[in-house]
N, C-alpha and C. Protein backbone atom coordinates (compact mmCIF):
# COMPACT_ATOMS: atom_id res chain seq x y z
N MET A 1 116.90 118.49 93.60
CA MET A 1 115.90 117.50 93.97
C MET A 1 116.60 116.31 94.60
N PHE A 2 115.96 115.72 95.58
CA PHE A 2 116.55 114.61 96.31
C PHE A 2 116.29 113.31 95.56
N ASN A 3 117.36 112.59 95.27
CA ASN A 3 117.23 111.28 94.64
C ASN A 3 117.56 110.22 95.68
N SER A 4 116.65 109.31 95.91
CA SER A 4 116.88 108.26 96.89
C SER A 4 117.11 106.93 96.18
N THR A 5 117.77 106.05 96.88
CA THR A 5 118.05 104.74 96.31
C THR A 5 116.84 103.83 96.50
N ALA A 6 116.87 102.70 95.83
CA ALA A 6 115.78 101.74 95.94
C ALA A 6 115.69 101.18 97.36
N LEU A 7 116.85 100.98 97.99
CA LEU A 7 116.85 100.45 99.35
C LEU A 7 116.25 101.46 100.34
N THR A 8 116.56 102.73 100.16
CA THR A 8 115.99 103.77 101.02
C THR A 8 114.48 103.83 100.85
N ASN A 9 114.02 103.77 99.62
CA ASN A 9 112.57 103.77 99.37
C ASN A 9 111.90 102.56 100.01
N LYS A 10 112.55 101.41 99.92
CA LYS A 10 112.00 100.19 100.51
C LYS A 10 111.82 100.36 102.02
N TYR A 11 112.83 100.88 102.69
CA TYR A 11 112.75 101.07 104.13
C TYR A 11 111.73 102.14 104.51
N LEU A 12 111.65 103.20 103.73
CA LEU A 12 110.67 104.24 104.02
C LEU A 12 109.24 103.74 103.83
N PHE A 13 108.99 102.98 102.78
CA PHE A 13 107.66 102.43 102.58
C PHE A 13 107.31 101.43 103.68
N ALA A 14 108.28 100.62 104.11
CA ALA A 14 108.03 99.68 105.20
C ALA A 14 107.74 100.43 106.51
N LEU A 15 108.45 101.52 106.75
CA LEU A 15 108.21 102.32 107.95
C LEU A 15 106.81 102.94 107.91
N CYS A 16 106.40 103.44 106.75
CA CYS A 16 105.06 103.99 106.61
C CYS A 16 104.00 102.91 106.80
N GLY A 17 104.26 101.72 106.27
CA GLY A 17 103.33 100.60 106.46
C GLY A 17 103.16 100.25 107.92
N LEU A 18 104.25 100.25 108.65
CA LEU A 18 104.20 99.98 110.08
C LEU A 18 103.48 101.11 110.82
N THR A 19 103.74 102.33 110.40
CA THR A 19 103.12 103.49 111.03
C THR A 19 101.60 103.48 110.85
N PHE A 20 101.13 103.03 109.72
CA PHE A 20 99.69 102.91 109.51
C PHE A 20 99.13 101.61 110.09
N GLY A 21 99.96 100.60 110.22
CA GLY A 21 99.49 99.31 110.71
C GLY A 21 99.20 99.28 112.19
N ILE A 22 99.98 100.00 112.99
CA ILE A 22 99.76 99.99 114.44
C ILE A 22 98.41 100.60 114.81
N PRO A 23 98.05 101.78 114.31
CA PRO A 23 96.70 102.28 114.63
C PRO A 23 95.59 101.42 114.03
N ALA A 24 95.85 100.77 112.89
CA ALA A 24 94.84 99.89 112.31
C ALA A 24 94.57 98.72 113.25
N ALA A 25 95.62 98.15 113.84
CA ALA A 25 95.44 97.06 114.80
C ALA A 25 94.67 97.55 116.03
N PHE A 26 94.95 98.77 116.47
CA PHE A 26 94.26 99.33 117.62
C PHE A 26 92.77 99.51 117.33
N PHE A 27 92.43 100.07 116.17
CA PHE A 27 91.02 100.25 115.83
C PHE A 27 90.33 98.91 115.59
N GLY A 28 91.05 97.93 115.09
CA GLY A 28 90.49 96.59 114.96
C GLY A 28 90.15 96.00 116.32
N TYR A 29 91.06 96.19 117.29
CA TYR A 29 90.81 95.72 118.65
C TYR A 29 89.59 96.43 119.25
N LEU A 30 89.50 97.75 119.06
CA LEU A 30 88.36 98.49 119.60
C LEU A 30 87.05 98.04 118.97
N THR A 31 87.07 97.72 117.70
CA THR A 31 85.87 97.23 117.02
C THR A 31 85.41 95.91 117.60
N VAL A 32 86.35 94.98 117.75
CA VAL A 32 86.00 93.66 118.30
C VAL A 32 85.52 93.80 119.74
N ARG A 33 86.16 94.66 120.52
CA ARG A 33 85.78 94.85 121.92
C ARG A 33 84.38 95.46 122.01
N LEU A 34 84.08 96.42 121.15
CA LEU A 34 82.76 97.04 121.17
C LEU A 34 81.68 96.04 120.80
N VAL A 35 81.92 95.23 119.79
CA VAL A 35 80.94 94.20 119.41
C VAL A 35 80.76 93.21 120.55
N TYR A 36 81.85 92.82 121.20
CA TYR A 36 81.76 91.90 122.33
C TYR A 36 80.92 92.49 123.46
N LEU A 37 81.15 93.77 123.78
CA LEU A 37 80.39 94.40 124.87
C LEU A 37 78.91 94.48 124.55
N VAL A 38 78.58 94.86 123.33
CA VAL A 38 77.18 95.06 122.98
C VAL A 38 76.44 93.72 122.87
N VAL A 39 77.10 92.70 122.35
CA VAL A 39 76.43 91.43 122.09
C VAL A 39 76.40 90.53 123.31
N THR A 40 77.49 90.44 124.05
CA THR A 40 77.57 89.42 125.10
C THR A 40 77.44 89.96 126.52
N ALA A 41 77.45 91.26 126.70
CA ALA A 41 77.38 91.80 128.06
C ALA A 41 76.02 91.53 128.69
N GLU A 42 76.04 91.37 129.99
CA GLU A 42 74.81 91.10 130.72
C GLU A 42 73.82 92.25 130.57
N ASN A 43 74.35 93.47 130.65
CA ASN A 43 73.52 94.66 130.47
C ASN A 43 73.93 95.36 129.18
N GLY A 44 73.80 94.68 128.07
CA GLY A 44 74.24 95.18 126.77
C GLY A 44 73.51 96.42 126.32
N GLU A 45 72.25 96.58 126.77
CA GLU A 45 71.50 97.78 126.37
C GLU A 45 72.10 99.05 126.96
N MET A 46 72.89 98.92 128.02
CA MET A 46 73.54 100.09 128.60
C MET A 46 74.58 100.66 127.63
N TYR A 47 75.17 99.79 126.80
CA TYR A 47 76.19 100.22 125.86
C TYR A 47 75.62 100.75 124.56
N ARG A 48 74.32 100.63 124.36
CA ARG A 48 73.71 101.07 123.11
C ARG A 48 73.26 102.53 123.21
N THR A 49 74.24 103.41 123.29
CA THR A 49 73.94 104.85 123.35
C THR A 49 74.33 105.47 122.01
N GLY A 50 74.10 106.77 121.89
CA GLY A 50 74.44 107.46 120.64
C GLY A 50 75.92 107.43 120.35
N ALA A 51 76.73 107.64 121.39
CA ALA A 51 78.18 107.63 121.19
C ALA A 51 78.68 106.24 120.79
N THR A 52 78.07 105.23 121.34
CA THR A 52 78.48 103.87 120.99
C THR A 52 78.12 103.54 119.55
N MET A 53 76.98 104.02 119.12
CA MET A 53 76.59 103.77 117.74
C MET A 53 77.49 104.53 116.76
N LEU A 54 77.91 105.74 117.14
CA LEU A 54 78.88 106.45 116.30
C LEU A 54 80.21 105.72 116.28
N ALA A 55 80.62 105.17 117.41
CA ALA A 55 81.87 104.40 117.47
C ALA A 55 81.74 103.12 116.65
N ALA A 56 80.54 102.54 116.61
CA ALA A 56 80.33 101.32 115.84
C ALA A 56 80.49 101.57 114.34
N ILE A 57 80.33 102.80 113.93
CA ILE A 57 80.56 103.16 112.53
C ILE A 57 81.99 103.64 112.33
N GLY A 58 82.49 104.42 113.25
CA GLY A 58 83.81 105.04 113.11
C GLY A 58 84.97 104.09 113.26
N PHE A 59 84.91 103.19 114.25
CA PHE A 59 86.04 102.28 114.49
C PHE A 59 86.31 101.35 113.30
N PRO A 60 85.29 100.67 112.76
CA PRO A 60 85.57 99.83 111.59
C PRO A 60 85.99 100.64 110.37
N GLY A 61 85.44 101.84 110.24
CA GLY A 61 85.83 102.69 109.12
C GLY A 61 87.29 103.08 109.19
N MET A 62 87.74 103.50 110.35
CA MET A 62 89.15 103.86 110.53
C MET A 62 90.04 102.63 110.38
N PHE A 63 89.57 101.48 110.89
CA PHE A 63 90.34 100.25 110.74
C PHE A 63 90.55 99.93 109.27
N LEU A 64 89.50 99.99 108.48
CA LEU A 64 89.61 99.66 107.06
C LEU A 64 90.49 100.66 106.32
N LEU A 65 90.31 101.93 106.61
CA LEU A 65 91.11 102.97 105.95
C LEU A 65 92.60 102.80 106.25
N LEU A 66 92.94 102.62 107.52
CA LEU A 66 94.34 102.47 107.91
C LEU A 66 94.92 101.14 107.43
N ALA A 67 94.12 100.08 107.46
CA ALA A 67 94.61 98.78 107.01
C ALA A 67 94.90 98.77 105.51
N VAL A 68 94.05 99.43 104.74
CA VAL A 68 94.28 99.50 103.30
C VAL A 68 95.54 100.32 103.01
N ALA A 69 95.72 101.43 103.72
CA ALA A 69 96.92 102.24 103.53
C ALA A 69 98.17 101.47 103.93
N SER A 70 98.10 100.75 105.04
CA SER A 70 99.24 99.96 105.49
C SER A 70 99.58 98.87 104.48
N ARG A 71 98.57 98.20 103.98
CA ARG A 71 98.80 97.14 102.99
C ARG A 71 99.44 97.71 101.72
N TRP A 72 98.97 98.88 101.29
CA TRP A 72 99.53 99.50 100.10
C TRP A 72 101.01 99.81 100.30
N PHE A 73 101.36 100.37 101.45
CA PHE A 73 102.76 100.69 101.72
C PHE A 73 103.62 99.43 101.80
N PHE A 74 103.11 98.37 102.44
CA PHE A 74 103.88 97.13 102.52
C PHE A 74 104.06 96.49 101.15
N LYS A 75 103.00 96.52 100.32
CA LYS A 75 103.14 95.99 98.96
C LYS A 75 104.18 96.77 98.17
N LYS A 76 104.17 98.09 98.35
CA LYS A 76 105.13 98.94 97.66
C LYS A 76 106.55 98.66 98.16
N ALA A 77 106.69 98.39 99.45
CA ALA A 77 108.02 98.11 100.01
C ALA A 77 108.55 96.77 99.52
N LEU A 78 107.68 95.80 99.29
CA LEU A 78 108.13 94.48 98.86
C LEU A 78 108.23 94.35 97.34
N GLN A 79 107.83 95.37 96.62
CA GLN A 79 107.88 95.35 95.17
C GLN A 79 109.32 95.44 94.68
N ARG A 80 109.60 94.76 93.62
CA ARG A 80 110.94 94.84 93.02
C ARG A 80 111.12 96.17 92.32
N PRO A 81 112.25 96.81 92.51
CA PRO A 81 112.47 98.07 91.80
C PRO A 81 112.65 97.83 90.30
N LEU A 82 112.21 98.78 89.53
CA LEU A 82 112.39 98.68 88.08
C LEU A 82 113.86 98.86 87.73
N ALA A 83 114.31 98.12 86.76
CA ALA A 83 115.73 98.18 86.37
C ALA A 83 116.03 99.44 85.66
């Protein structure tokens, strides 16, 4: 069985946090952009289609899921190892 050091675990958890954080930022951007288009666009009703409504549910959901996972990994990476 592979035994890793505390420093290796710290770096791996930080890498996983970053890996989940980048797509979370992307889905957060898409969520804000979609809300901006629907609310402030001159022809906002054009954006209110079935696919847009599915995206209005999916983008924030993916953002929250990935952000929570990223936060968990970063918290784990910054945690002090047990003696």
